[in-house]
Amino acid sequence: YLINNNNYSDEVKGFIKAADESKDIQELFSIVKEDNEKCLAE
C-alpha cells in the first residue's frame, strides 16, 4: 500500500468529495472541530 500524493483523477476527486459530504464522515469532522474549540476555550 502507498499513499497517493499524485494528482487525483476526476473520478477519485468526485469520490472523495462525496465521501466528505456524507453524514458519517461529517460527524468525524465535527468531532475534530469540537475538540479544537474545546482546546481553544480551555
Full PDB file with SEQRES, HELIX, SHEET, SSBOND, CRYST1, ORIGX, SCALE, CONECT and MASTER records, all heavy atoms in Angstrom:
SEQRES   1 A   42  TYR LEU ILE ASN ASN ASN ASN TYR SER ASP GLU VAL LYS          
SEQRES   2 A   42  GLY PHE ILE LYS ALA ALA ASP GLU SER LYS ASP ILE GLN          
SEQRES   3 A   42  GLU LEU PHE SER ILE VAL LYS GLU ASP ASN GLU LYS CYS          
SEQRES   4 A   42  LEU ALA GLU                                                  
HELIX    1 AA1 ASP A   10  GLU A   21  1                                  12    
HELIX    2 AA2 LYS A   23  ALA A   41  1                                  19    
CRYST1    1.000    1.000    1.000  90.00  90.00  90.00 P 1           1          
ORIGX1      1.000000  0.000000  0.000000        0.00000                         
ORIGX2      0.000000  1.000000  0.000000        0.00000                         
ORIGX3      0.000000  0.000000  1.000000        0.00000                         
SCALE1      1.000000  0.000000  0.000000        0.00000                         
SCALE2      0.000000  1.000000  0.000000        0.00000                         
SCALE3      0.000000  0.000000  1.000000        0.00000                         
ATOM      1  N   TYR A   1       0.836  -1.189   0.000  1.00  0.00           N  
ATOM      2  CA  TYR A   1       0.000   0.000   0.000  1.00  0.00           C  
ATOM      3  C   TYR A   1       0.878   1.249   0.000  1.00  0.00           C  
ATOM      4  O   TYR A   1       1.914   1.296   0.672  1.00  0.00           O  
ATOM      5  CB  TYR A   1      -0.902   0.035   1.237  1.00  0.00           C  
ATOM      6  CG  TYR A   1      -2.086  -0.899   1.180  1.00  0.00           C  
ATOM      7  CD1 TYR A   1      -2.142  -2.041   1.974  1.00  0.00           C  
ATOM      8  CD2 TYR A   1      -3.166  -0.612   0.347  1.00  0.00           C  
ATOM      9  CE1 TYR A   1      -3.248  -2.895   1.931  1.00  0.00           C  
ATOM     10  CE2 TYR A   1      -4.267  -1.453   0.296  1.00  0.00           C  
ATOM     11  CZ  TYR A   1      -4.295  -2.588   1.085  1.00  0.00           C  
ATOM     12  OH  TYR A   1      -5.389  -3.421   1.035  1.00  0.00           O  
ATOM     13  N   LEU A   2       0.440   2.271  -0.750  1.00  0.00           N  
ATOM     14  CA  LEU A   2       1.143   3.555  -0.792  1.00  0.00           C  
ATOM     15  C   LEU A   2       0.126   4.687  -0.718  1.00  0.00           C  
ATOM     16  O   LEU A   2      -0.979   4.573  -1.251  1.00  0.00           O  
ATOM     17  CB  LEU A   2       1.963   3.697  -2.079  1.00  0.00           C  
ATOM     18  CG  LEU A   2       3.140   2.739  -2.287  1.00  0.00           C  
ATOM     19  CD1 LEU A   2       3.697   2.909  -3.709  1.00  0.00           C  
ATOM     20  CD2 LEU A   2       4.240   2.994  -1.254  1.00  0.00           C  
ATOM     21  N   ILE A   3       0.508   5.786  -0.071  1.00  0.00           N  
ATOM     22  CA  ILE A   3      -0.330   6.980  -0.045  1.00  0.00           C  
ATOM     23  C   ILE A   3      -0.184   7.696  -1.385  1.00  0.00           C  
ATOM     24  O   ILE A   3       0.925   8.008  -1.813  1.00  0.00           O  
ATOM     25  CB  ILE A   3       0.096   7.918   1.101  1.00  0.00           C  
ATOM     26  CG1 ILE A   3      -0.123   7.225   2.449  1.00  0.00           C  
ATOM     27  CG2 ILE A   3      -0.684   9.233   1.042  1.00  0.00           C  
ATOM     28  CD1 ILE A   3       0.508   7.951   3.616  1.00  0.00           C  
ATOM     29  N   ASN A   4      -1.311   7.908  -2.039  1.00  0.00           N  
ATOM     30  CA  ASN A   4      -1.289   8.549  -3.357  1.00  0.00           C  
ATOM     31  C   ASN A   4      -1.128  10.062  -3.182  1.00  0.00           C  
ATOM     32  O   ASN A   4      -2.051  10.751  -2.771  1.00  0.00           O  
ATOM     33  CB  ASN A   4      -2.585   8.232  -4.106  1.00  0.00           C  
ATOM     34  CG  ASN A   4      -2.570   8.773  -5.532  1.00  0.00           C  
ATOM     35  OD1 ASN A   4      -1.708   9.578  -5.893  1.00  0.00           O  
ATOM     36  ND2 ASN A   4      -3.512   8.333  -6.342  1.00  0.00           N  
ATOM     37  N   ASN A   5       0.061  10.559  -3.504  1.00  0.00           N  
ATOM     38  CA  ASN A   5       0.300  12.008  -3.427  1.00  0.00           C  
ATOM     39  C   ASN A   5       0.486  12.612  -4.814  1.00  0.00           C  
ATOM     40  O   ASN A   5       1.030  13.705  -4.969  1.00  0.00           O  
ATOM     41  CB  ASN A   5       1.516  12.317  -2.544  1.00  0.00           C  
ATOM     42  CG  ASN A   5       2.813  11.717  -3.082  1.00  0.00           C  
ATOM     43  OD1 ASN A   5       2.792  10.699  -3.771  1.00  0.00           O  
ATOM     44  ND2 ASN A   5       3.931  12.336  -2.767  1.00  0.00           N  
ATOM     45  N   ASN A   6       0.020  11.869  -5.850  1.00  0.00           N  
ATOM     46  CA  ASN A   6      -0.024  12.407  -7.211  1.00  0.00           C  
ATOM     47  C   ASN A   6      -1.324  13.188  -7.402  1.00  0.00           C  
ATOM     48  O   ASN A   6      -2.173  13.245  -6.503  1.00  0.00           O  
ATOM     49  CB  ASN A   6       0.040  11.273  -8.241  1.00  0.00           C  
ATOM     50  CG  ASN A   6       1.395  10.589  -8.262  1.00  0.00           C  
ATOM     51  OD1 ASN A   6       2.423  11.227  -8.130  1.00  0.00           O  
ATOM     52  ND2 ASN A   6       1.386   9.274  -8.419  1.00  0.00           N  
ATOM     53  N   ASN A   7      -1.505  13.760  -8.570  1.00  0.00           N  
ATOM     54  CA  ASN A   7      -2.774  14.408  -8.877  1.00  0.00           C  
ATOM     55  C   ASN A   7      -3.866  13.347  -9.022  1.00  0.00           C  
ATOM     56  O   ASN A   7      -3.689  12.357  -9.732  1.00  0.00           O  
ATOM     57  CB  ASN A   7      -2.665  15.214 -10.176  1.00  0.00           C  
ATOM     58  CG  ASN A   7      -1.752  16.414 -10.029  1.00  0.00           C  
ATOM     59  OD1 ASN A   7      -1.693  17.023  -8.967  1.00  0.00           O  
ATOM     60  ND2 ASN A   7      -1.038  16.759 -11.078  1.00  0.00           N  
ATOM     61  N   TYR A   8      -4.997  13.560  -8.342  1.00  0.00           N  
ATOM     62  CA  TYR A   8      -6.093  12.610  -8.423  1.00  0.00           C  
ATOM     63  C   TYR A   8      -6.840  12.762  -9.744  1.00  0.00           C  
ATOM     64  O   TYR A   8      -6.942  13.854 -10.293  1.00  0.00           O  
ATOM     65  CB  TYR A   8      -7.088  12.834  -7.285  1.00  0.00           C  
ATOM     66  CG  TYR A   8      -6.546  12.611  -5.887  1.00  0.00           C  
ATOM     67  CD1 TYR A   8      -7.106  13.263  -4.802  1.00  0.00           C  
ATOM     68  CD2 TYR A   8      -5.487  11.738  -5.665  1.00  0.00           C  
ATOM     69  CE1 TYR A   8      -6.632  13.062  -3.516  1.00  0.00           C  
ATOM     70  CE2 TYR A   8      -5.001  11.532  -4.383  1.00  0.00           C  
ATOM     71  CZ  TYR A   8      -5.575  12.195  -3.312  1.00  0.00           C  
ATOM     72  OH  TYR A   8      -5.100  11.997  -2.050  1.00  0.00           O  
ATOM     73  N   SER A   9      -7.396  11.652 -10.215  1.00  0.00           N  
ATOM     74  CA  SER A   9      -8.280  11.716 -11.375  1.00  0.00           C  
ATOM     75  C   SER A   9      -9.578  12.394 -10.964  1.00  0.00           C  
ATOM     76  O   SER A   9      -9.904  12.498  -9.779  1.00  0.00           O  
ATOM     77  CB  SER A   9      -8.578  10.303 -11.890  1.00  0.00           C  
ATOM     78  OG  SER A   9      -9.356   9.587 -10.939  1.00  0.00           O  
ATOM     79  N   ASP A  10     -10.347  12.846 -11.952  1.00  0.00           N  
ATOM     80  CA  ASP A  10     -11.635  13.475 -11.655  1.00  0.00           C  
ATOM     81  C   ASP A  10     -12.563  12.509 -10.929  1.00  0.00           C  
ATOM     82  O   ASP A  10     -13.340  12.916 -10.052  1.00  0.00           O  
ATOM     83  CB  ASP A  10     -12.297  13.964 -12.945  1.00  0.00           C  
ATOM     84  CG  ASP A  10     -11.578  15.166 -13.546  1.00  0.00           C  
ATOM     85  OD1 ASP A  10     -10.827  15.835 -12.805  1.00  0.00           O  
ATOM     86  OD2 ASP A  10     -11.758  15.424 -14.753  1.00  0.00           O  
ATOM     87  N   GLU A  11     -12.464  11.229 -11.291  1.00  0.00           N  
ATOM     88  CA  GLU A  11     -13.313  10.227 -10.650  1.00  0.00           C  
ATOM     89  C   GLU A  11     -12.980  10.102  -9.164  1.00  0.00           C  
ATOM     90  O   GLU A  11     -13.882  10.041  -8.317  1.00  0.00           O  
ATOM     91  CB  GLU A  11     -13.138   8.872 -11.342  1.00  0.00           C  
ATOM     92  CG  GLU A  11     -14.098   7.803 -10.830  1.00  0.00           C  
ATOM     93  CD  GLU A  11     -13.950   6.479 -11.564  1.00  0.00           C  
ATOM     94  OE1 GLU A  11     -12.954   6.311 -12.314  1.00  0.00           O  
ATOM     95  OE2 GLU A  11     -14.820   5.609 -11.384  1.00  0.00           O  
ATOM     96  N   VAL A  12     -11.689  10.083  -8.864  1.00  0.00           N  
ATOM     97  CA  VAL A  12     -11.268   9.980  -7.460  1.00  0.00           C  
ATOM     98  C   VAL A  12     -11.648  11.251  -6.701  1.00  0.00           C  
ATOM     99  O   VAL A  12     -12.129  11.186  -5.561  1.00  0.00           O  
ATOM    100  CB  VAL A  12      -9.754   9.713  -7.358  1.00  0.00           C  
ATOM    101  CG1 VAL A  12      -9.264   9.866  -5.914  1.00  0.00           C  
ATOM    102  CG2 VAL A  12      -9.422   8.315  -7.873  1.00  0.00           C  
ATOM    103  N   LYS A  13     -11.452  12.413  -7.324  1.00  0.00           N  
ATOM    104  CA  LYS A  13     -11.833  13.674  -6.684  1.00  0.00           C  
ATOM    105  C   LYS A  13     -13.319  13.688  -6.348  1.00  0.00           C  
ATOM    106  O   LYS A  13     -13.720  14.107  -5.250  1.00  0.00           O  
ATOM    107  CB  LYS A  13     -11.504  14.850  -7.599  1.00  0.00           C  
ATOM    108  CG  LYS A  13     -10.020  15.152  -7.739  1.00  0.00           C  
ATOM    109  CD  LYS A  13      -9.804  16.310  -8.712  1.00  0.00           C  
ATOM    110  CE  LYS A  13      -8.334  16.600  -8.919  1.00  0.00           C  
ATOM    111  NZ  LYS A  13      -8.110  17.672  -9.921  1.00  0.00           N  
ATOM    112  N   GLY A  14     -14.141  13.239  -7.289  1.00  0.00           N  
ATOM    113  CA  GLY A  14     -15.576  13.196  -7.057  1.00  0.00           C  
ATOM    114  C   GLY A  14     -15.937  12.230  -5.943  1.00  0.00           C  
ATOM    115  O   GLY A  14     -16.832  12.498  -5.130  1.00  0.00           O  
ATOM    116  N   PHE A  15     -15.237  11.100  -5.911  1.00  0.00           N  
ATOM    117  CA  PHE A  15     -15.482  10.094  -4.877  1.00  0.00           C  
ATOM    118  C   PHE A  15     -15.158  10.657  -3.492  1.00  0.00           C  
ATOM    119  O   PHE A  15     -15.934  10.493  -2.541  1.00  0.00           O  
ATOM    120  CB  PHE A  15     -14.633   8.854  -5.157  1.00  0.00           C  
ATOM    121  CG  PHE A  15     -14.766   7.770  -4.133  1.00  0.00           C  
ATOM    122  CD1 PHE A  15     -15.844   6.911  -4.149  1.00  0.00           C  
ATOM    123  CD2 PHE A  15     -13.804   7.604  -3.151  1.00  0.00           C  
ATOM    124  CE1 PHE A  15     -15.977   5.906  -3.192  1.00  0.00           C  
ATOM    125  CE2 PHE A  15     -13.923   6.611  -2.188  1.00  0.00           C  
ATOM    126  CZ  PHE A  15     -15.015   5.749  -2.225  1.00  0.00           C  
ATOM    127  N   ILE A  16     -14.011  11.328  -3.374  1.00  0.00           N  
ATOM    128  CA  ILE A  16     -13.607  11.897  -2.089  1.00  0.00           C  
ATOM    129  C   ILE A  16     -14.580  12.995  -1.661  1.00  0.00           C  
ATOM    130  O   ILE A  16     -14.973  13.077  -0.491  1.00  0.00           O  
ATOM    131  CB  ILE A  16     -12.167  12.447  -2.166  1.00  0.00           C  
ATOM    132  CG1 ILE A  16     -11.172  11.294  -2.388  1.00  0.00           C  
ATOM    133  CG2 ILE A  16     -11.816  13.206  -0.881  1.00  0.00           C  
ATOM    134  CD1 ILE A  16      -9.740  11.743  -2.620  1.00  0.00           C  
ATOM    135  N   LYS A  17     -14.991  13.822  -2.610  1.00  0.00           N  
ATOM    136  CA  LYS A  17     -15.925  14.916  -2.296  1.00  0.00           C  
ATOM    137  C   LYS A  17     -17.246  14.360  -1.763  1.00  0.00           C  
ATOM    138  O   LYS A  17     -17.797  14.854  -0.777  1.00  0.00           O  
ATOM    139  CB  LYS A  17     -16.179  15.767  -3.543  1.00  0.00           C  
ATOM    140  CG  LYS A  17     -17.064  16.987  -3.309  1.00  0.00           C  
ATOM    141  CD  LYS A  17     -17.152  17.838  -4.570  1.00  0.00           C  
ATOM    142  CE  LYS A  17     -17.945  19.132  -4.310  1.00  0.00           C  
ATOM    143  NZ  LYS A  17     -19.343  18.879  -3.979  1.00  0.00           N  
ATOM    144  N   ALA A  18     -17.743  13.306  -2.417  1.00  0.00           N  
ATOM    145  CA  ALA A  18     -19.000  12.700  -1.976  1.00  0.00           C  
ATOM    146  C   ALA A  18     -18.847  12.090  -0.583  1.00  0.00           C  
ATOM    147  O   ALA A  18     -19.747  12.211   0.263  1.00  0.00           O  
ATOM    148  CB  ALA A  18     -19.441  11.637  -2.979  1.00  0.00           C  
ATOM    149  N   ALA A  19     -17.702  11.447  -0.341  1.00  0.00           N  
ATOM    150  CA  ALA A  19     -17.461  10.853   0.977  1.00  0.00           C  
ATOM    151  C   ALA A  19     -17.364  11.935   2.047  1.00  0.00           C  
ATOM    152  O   ALA A  19     -17.925  11.807   3.139  1.00  0.00           O  
ATOM    153  CB  ALA A  19     -16.184  10.016   0.948  1.00  0.00           C  
ATOM    154  N   ASP A  20     -16.654  13.034   1.727  1.00  0.00           N  
ATOM    155  CA  ASP A  20     -16.516  14.143   2.677  1.00  0.00           C  
ATOM    156  C   ASP A  20     -17.874  14.689   3.107  1.00  0.00           C  
ATOM    157  O   ASP A  20     -18.063  15.089   4.255  1.00  0.00           O  
ATOM    158  CB  ASP A  20     -15.708  15.287   2.046  1.00  0.00           C  
ATOM    159  CG  ASP A  20     -14.213  15.014   1.996  1.00  0.00           C  
ATOM    160  OD1 ASP A  20     -13.772  14.019   2.598  1.00  0.00           O  
ATOM    161  OD2 ASP A  20     -13.493  15.799   1.352  1.00  0.00           O  
ATOM    162  N   GLU A  21     -18.802  14.718   2.159  1.00  0.00           N  
ATOM    163  CA  GLU A  21     -20.107  15.330   2.416  1.00  0.00           C  
ATOM    164  C   GLU A  21     -21.110  14.361   3.044  1.00  0.00           C  
ATOM    165  O   GLU A  21     -22.206  14.766   3.414  1.00  0.00           O  
ATOM    166  CB  GLU A  21     -20.674  15.881   1.103  1.00  0.00           C  
ATOM    167  CG  GLU A  21     -19.861  17.059   0.560  1.00  0.00           C  
ATOM    168  CD  GLU A  21     -20.307  17.490  -0.822  1.00  0.00           C  
ATOM    169  OE1 GLU A  21     -21.171  16.792  -1.415  1.00  0.00           O  
ATOM    170  OE2 GLU A  21     -19.805  18.511  -1.320  1.00  0.00           O  
ATOM    171  N   SER A  22     -20.722  13.098   3.164  1.00  0.00           N  
ATOM    172  CA  SER A  22     -21.638  12.122   3.746  1.00  0.00           C  
ATOM    173  C   SER A  22     -21.813  12.371   5.240  1.00  0.00           C  
ATOM    174  O   SER A  22     -20.946  12.938   5.912  1.00  0.00           O  
ATOM    175  CB  SER A  22     -21.118  10.695   3.519  1.00  0.00           C  
ATOM    176  OG  SER A  22     -19.957  10.452   4.295  1.00  0.00           O  
ATOM    177  N   LYS A  23     -22.945  11.953   5.764  1.00  0.00           N  
ATOM    178  CA  LYS A  23     -23.275  12.199   7.161  1.00  0.00           C  
ATOM    179  C   LYS A  23     -22.231  11.595   8.105  1.00  0.00           C  
ATOM    180  O   LYS A  23     -21.815  12.225   9.088  1.00  0.00           O  
ATOM    181  CB  LYS A  23     -24.659  11.616   7.470  1.00  0.00           C  
ATOM    182  CG  LYS A  23     -25.099  11.805   8.915  1.00  0.00           C  
ATOM    183  CD  LYS A  23     -26.455  11.173   9.159  1.00  0.00           C  
ATOM    184  CE  LYS A  23     -26.838  11.282  10.625  1.00  0.00           C  
ATOM    185  NZ  LYS A  23     -28.154  10.631  10.897  1.00  0.00           N  
ATOM    186  N   ASP A  24     -21.799  10.372   7.822  1.00  0.00           N  
ATOM    187  CA  ASP A  24     -20.858   9.681   8.706  1.00  0.00           C  
ATOM    188  C   ASP A  24     -19.519  10.406   8.791  1.00  0.00           C  
ATOM    189  O   ASP A  24     -18.961  10.592   9.878  1.00  0.00           O  
ATOM    190  CB  ASP A  24     -20.634   8.244   8.221  1.00  0.00           C  
ATOM    191  CG  ASP A  24     -21.882   7.392   8.383  1.00  0.00           C  
ATOM    192  OD1 ASP A  24     -22.824   7.851   9.058  1.00  0.00           O  
ATOM    193  OD2 ASP A  24     -21.923   6.279   7.828  1.00  0.00           O  
ATOM    194  N   ILE A  25     -18.986  10.808   7.642  1.00  0.00           N  
ATOM    195  CA  ILE A  25     -17.690  11.481   7.630  1.00  0.00           C  
ATOM    196  C   ILE A  25     -17.808  12.883   8.203  1.00  0.00           C  
ATOM    197  O   ILE A  25     -16.913  13.365   8.905  1.00  0.00           O  
ATOM    198  CB  ILE A  25     -17.098  11.517   6.210  1.00  0.00           C  
ATOM    199  CG1 ILE A  25     -16.917  10.081   5.666  1.00  0.00           C  
ATOM    200  CG2 ILE A  25     -15.763  12.254   6.205  1.00  0.00           C  
ATOM    201  CD1 ILE A  25     -16.063   9.178   6.532  1.00  0.00           C  
ATOM    202  N   GLN A  26     -18.933  13.554   7.950  1.00  0.00           N  
ATOM    203  CA  GLN A  26     -19.139  14.872   8.527  1.00  0.00           C  
ATOM    204  C   GLN A  26     -19.109  14.805  10.052  1.00  0.00           C  
ATOM    205  O   GLN A  26     -18.654  15.740  10.712  1.00  0.00           O  
ATOM    206  CB  GLN A  26     -20.472  15.457   8.048  1.00  0.00           C  
ATOM    207  CG  GLN A  26     -20.419  16.062   6.653  1.00  0.00           C  
ATOM    208  CD  GLN A  26     -19.505  17.269   6.588  1.00  0.00           C  
ATOM    209  OE1 GLN A  26     -19.625  18.197   7.377  1.00  0.00           O  
ATOM    210  NE2 GLN A  26     -18.583  17.257   5.633  1.00  0.00           N  
ATOM    211  N   GLU A  27     -19.574  13.678  10.607  1.00  0.00           N  
ATOM    212  CA  GLU A  27     -19.520  13.534  12.062  1.00  0.00           C  
ATOM    213  C   GLU A  27     -18.077  13.467  12.550  1.00  0.00           C  
ATOM    214  O   GLU A  27     -17.743  14.014  13.601  1.00  0.00           O  
ATOM    215  CB  GLU A  27     -20.286  12.284  12.511  1.00  0.00           C  
ATOM    216  CG  GLU A  27     -20.294  12.136  14.025  1.00  0.00           C  
ATOM    217  CD  GLU A  27     -21.441  11.277  14.537  1.00  0.00           C  
ATOM    218  OE1 GLU A  27     -22.329  10.939  13.742  1.00  0.00           O  
ATOM    219  OE2 GLU A  27     -21.433  10.963  15.731  1.00  0.00           O  
ATOM    220  N   LEU A  28     -17.219  12.813  11.770  1.00  0.00           N  
ATOM    221  CA  LEU A  28     -15.799  12.791  12.126  1.00  0.00           C  
ATOM    222  C   LEU A  28     -15.231  14.204  12.157  1.00  0.00           C  
ATOM    223  O   LEU A  28     -14.530  14.591  13.097  1.00  0.00           O  
ATOM    224  CB  LEU A  28     -15.008  11.957  11.115  1.00  0.00           C  
ATOM    225  CG  LEU A  28     -15.002  10.438  11.237  1.00  0.00           C  
ATOM    226  CD1 LEU A  28     -14.135   9.833  10.143  1.00  0.00           C  
ATOM    227  CD2 LEU A  28     -14.498  10.002  12.602  1.00  0.00           C  
ATOM    228  N   PHE A  29     -15.515  14.976  11.104  1.00  0.00           N  
ATOM    229  CA  PHE A  29     -15.025  16.352  11.044  1.00  0.00           C  
ATOM    230  C   PHE A  29     -15.573  17.173  12.217  1.00  0.00           C  
ATOM    231  O   PHE A  29     -14.859  18.015  12.782  1.00  0.00           O  
ATOM    232  CB  PHE A  29     -15.417  17.004   9.721  1.00  0.00           C  
ATOM    233  CG  PHE A  29     -14.637  16.492   8.543  1.00  0.00           C  
ATOM    234  CD1 PHE A  29     -15.291  15.937   7.450  1.00  0.00           C  
ATOM    235  CD2 PHE A  29     -13.263  16.565   8.506  1.00  0.00           C  
ATOM    236  CE1 PHE A  29     -14.586  15.459   6.355  1.00  0.00           C  
ATOM    237  CE2 PHE A  29     -12.533  16.096   7.414  1.00  0.00           C  
ATOM    238  CZ  PHE A  29     -13.193  15.547   6.333  1.00  0.00           C  
ATOM    239  N   SER A  30     -16.825  16.932  12.575  1.00  0.00           N  
ATOM    240  CA  SER A  30     -17.431  17.675  13.674  1.00  0.00           C  
ATOM    241  C   SER A  30     -16.740  17.377  14.999  1.00  0.00           C  
ATOM    242  O   SER A  30     -16.537  18.280  15.822  1.00  0.00           O  
ATOM    243  CB  SER A  30     -18.923  17.335  13.790  1.00  0.00           C  
ATOM    244  OG  SER A  30     -19.632  17.789  12.656  1.00  0.00           O  
ATOM    245  N   ILE A  31     -16.387  16.119  15.205  1.00  0.00           N  
ATOM    246  CA  ILE A  31     -15.696  15.729  16.431  1.00  0.00           C  
ATOM    247  C   ILE A  31     -14.352  16.455  16.531  1.00  0.00           C  
ATOM    248  O   ILE A  31     -13.976  16.963  17.592  1.00  0.00           O  
ATOM    249  CB  ILE A  31     -15.491  14.203  16.483  1.00  0.00           C  
ATOM    250  CG1 ILE A  31     -16.829  13.505  16.719  1.00  0.00           C  
ATOM    251  CG2 ILE A  31     -14.497  13.822  17.568  1.00  0.00           C  
ATOM    252  CD1 ILE A  31     -16.779  12.009  16.572  1.00  0.00           C  
ATOM    253  N   VAL A  32     -13.630  16.527  15.413  1.00  0.00           N  
ATOM    254  CA  VAL A  32     -12.337  17.216  15.387  1.00  0.00           C  
ATOM    255  C   VAL A  32     -12.538  18.712  15.656  1.00  0.00           C  
ATOM    256  O   VAL A  32     -11.801  19.316  16.445  1.00  0.00           O  
ATOM    257  CB  VAL A  32     -11.621  16.992  14.040  1.00  0.00           C  
ATOM    258  CG1 VAL A  32     -10.354  17.843  13.944  1.00  0.00           C  
ATOM    259  CG2 VAL A  32     -11.272  15.517  13.862  1.00  0.00           C  
ATOM    260  N   LYS A  33     -13.518  19.297  15.006  1.00  0.00           N  
ATOM    261  CA  LYS A  33     -13.783  20.730  15.186  1.00  0.00           C  
ATOM    262  C   LYS A  33     -14.163  21.050  16.625  1.00  0.00           C  
ATOM    263  O   LYS A  33     -13.667  22.027  17.216  1.00  0.00           O  
ATOM    264  CB  LYS A  33     -14.903  21.176  14.237  1.00  0.00           C  
ATOM    265  CG  LYS A  33     -15.207  22.658  14.299  1.00  0.00           C  
ATOM    266  CD  LYS A  33     -16.313  23.031  13.323  1.00  0.00           C  
ATOM    267  CE  LYS A  33     -16.637  24.519  13.409  1.00  0.00           C  
ATOM    268  NZ  LYS A  33     -17.740  24.899  12.488  1.00  0.00           N  
ATOM    269  N   GLU A  34     -15.035  20.230  17.213  1.00  0.00           N  
ATOM    270  CA  GLU A  34     -15.460  20.451  18.594  1.00  0.00           C  
ATOM    271  C   GLU A  34     -14.282  20.330  19.557  1.00  0.00           C  
ATOM    272  O   GLU A  34     -14.171  21.094  20.527  1.00  0.00           O  
ATOM    273  CB  GLU A  34     -16.551  19.455  18.969  1.00  0.00           C  
ATOM    274  CG  GLU A  34     -17.889  19.744  18.303  1.00  0.00           C  
ATOM    275  CD  GLU A  34     -18.873  18.600  18.445  1.00  0.00           C  
ATOM    276  OE1 GLU A  34     -18.563  17.640  19.211  1.00  0.00           O  
ATOM    277  OE2 GLU A  34     -19.940  18.639  17.809  1.00  0.00           O  
ATOM    278  N   ASP A  35     -13.389  19.382  19.290  1.00  0.00           N  
ATOM    279  CA  ASP A  35     -12.216  19.219  20.146  1.00  0.00           C  
ATOM    280  C   ASP A  35     -11.315  20.449  20.061  1.00  0.00           C  
ATOM    281  O   ASP A  35     -10.793  20.920  21.079  1.00  0.00           O  
ATOM    282  CB  ASP A  35     -11.438  17.975  19.734  1.00  0.00           C  
ATOM    283  CG  ASP A  35     -10.175  17.781  20.561  1.00  0.00           C  
ATOM    284  OD1 ASP A  35     -10.296  17.260  21.688  1.00  0.00           O  
ATOM    285  OD2 ASP A  35      -9.085  18.172  20.093  1.00  0.00           O  
ATOM    286  N   ASN A  36     -11.139  20.986  18.850  1.00  0.00           N  
ATOM    287  CA  ASN A  36     -10.328  22.191  18.681  1.00  0.00           C  
ATOM    288  C   ASN A  36     -10.941  23.381  19.413  1.00  0.00           C  
ATOM    289  O   ASN A  36     -10.241  24.170  20.042  1.00  0.00           O  
ATOM    290  CB  ASN A  36     -10.157  22.508  17.195  1.00  0.00           C  
ATOM    291  CG  ASN A  36      -9.030  21.721  16.548  1.00  0.00           C  
ATOM    292  OD1 ASN A  36      -8.005  22.279  16.200  1.00  0.00           O  
ATOM    293  ND2 ASN A  36      -9.224  20.422  16.377  1.00  0.00           N  
ATOM    294  N   GLU A  37     -12.254  23.506  19.319  1.00  0.00           N  
ATOM    295  CA  GLU A  37     -12.937  24.607  20.009  1.00  0.00           C  
ATOM    296  C   GLU A  37     -12.797  24.464  21.527  1.00  0.00           C  
ATOM    297  O   GLU A  37     -12.620  25.461  22.249  1.00  0.00           O  
ATOM    298  CB  GLU A  37     -14.408  24.631  19.603  1.00  0.00           C  
ATOM    299  CG  GLU A  37     -14.619  25.072  18.154  1.00  0.00           C  
ATOM    300  CD  GLU A  37     -16.057  24.916  17.690  1.00  0.00           C  
ATOM    301  OE1 GLU A  37     -16.845  24.257  18.403  1.00  0.00           O  
ATOM    302  OE2 GLU A  37     -16.392  25.454  16.615  1.00  0.00           O  
ATOM    303  N   LYS A  38     -12.849  23.232  22.011  1.00  0.00           N  
ATOM    304  CA  LYS A  38     -12.680  22.969  23.445  1.00  0.00           C  
ATOM    305  C   LYS A  38     -11.266  23.342  23.895  1.00  0.00           C  
ATOM    306  O   LYS A  38     -11.072  23.964  24.939  1.00  0.00           O  
ATOM    307  CB  LYS A  38     -12.954  21.491  23.733  1.00  0.00           C  
ATOM    308  CG  LYS A  38     -12.885  21.096  25.203  1.00  0.00           C  
ATOM    309  CD  LYS A  38     -13.335  19.649  25.362  1.00  0.00           C  
ATOM    310  CE  LYS A  38     -13.357  19.235  26.838  1.00  0.00           C  
ATOM    311  NZ  LYS A  38     -12.009  19.087  27.398  1.00  0.00           N  
ATOM    312  N   CYS A  39     -10.278  22.975  23.084  1.00  0.00           N  
ATOM    313  CA  CYS A  39      -8.893  23.313  23.418  1.00  0.00           C  
ATOM    314  C   CYS A  39      -8.686  24.824  23.432  1.00  0.00           C  
ATOM    315  O   CYS A  39      -7.987  25.365  24.297  1.00  0.00           O  
ATOM    316  CB  CYS A  39      -7.930  22.664  22.421  1.00  0.00           C  
ATOM    317  SG  CYS A  39      -7.776  20.870  22.589  1.00  0.00           S  
ATOM    318  N   LEU A  40      -9.307  25.513  22.474  1.00  0.00           N  
ATOM    319  CA  LEU A  40      -9.201  26.970  22.430  1.00  0.00           C  
ATOM    320  C   LEU A  40      -9.805  27.611  23.671  1.00  0.00           C  
ATOM    321  O   LEU A  40      -9.289  28.589  24.206  1.00  0.00           O  
ATOM    322  CB  LEU A  40      -9.895  27.521  21.184  1.00  0.00           C  
ATOM    323  CG  LEU A  40      -9.132  27.445  19.863  1.00  0.00           C  
ATOM    324  CD1 LEU A  40     -10.032  27.852  18.701  1.00  0.00           C  
ATOM    325  CD2 LEU A  40      -7.884  28.333  19.908  1.00  0.00           C  
ATOM    326  N   ALA A  41     -10.902  27.030  24.148  1.00  0.00           N  
ATOM    327  CA  ALA A  41     -11.602  27.591  25.301  1.00  0.00           C  
ATOM    328  C   ALA A  41     -10.885  27.291  26.618  1.00  0.00           C  
ATOM    329  O   ALA A  41     -10.927  28.101  27.554  1.00  0.00           O  
ATOM    330  CB  ALA A  41     -13.025  27.044  25.356  1.00  0.00           C  
ATOM    331  N   GLU A  42     -10.201  26.138  26.690  1.00  0.00           N  
ATOM    332  CA  GLU A  42      -9.641  25.683  27.959  1.00  0.00           C  
ATOM    333  C   GLU A  42      -8.129  25.813  28.069  1.00  0.00           C  
ATOM    334  O   GLU A  42      -7.590  25.790  29.179  1.00  0.00           O  
ATOM    335  CB  GLU A  42     -10.043  24.228  28.205  1.00  0.00           C  
ATOM    336  CG  GLU A  42     -11.547  24.011  28.313  1.00  0.00           C  
ATOM    337  CD  GLU A  42     -11.909  22.563  28.530  1.00  0.00           C  
ATOM    338  OE1 GLU A  42     -10.986  21.712  28.529  1.00  0.00           O  
ATOM    339  OE2 GLU A  42     -13.113  22.274  28.700  1.00  0.00           O  
TER     340      GLU A  42                                                      
MASTER        0    0    0    2    0    0    0    6  339    1    0    4          
END                                                                             
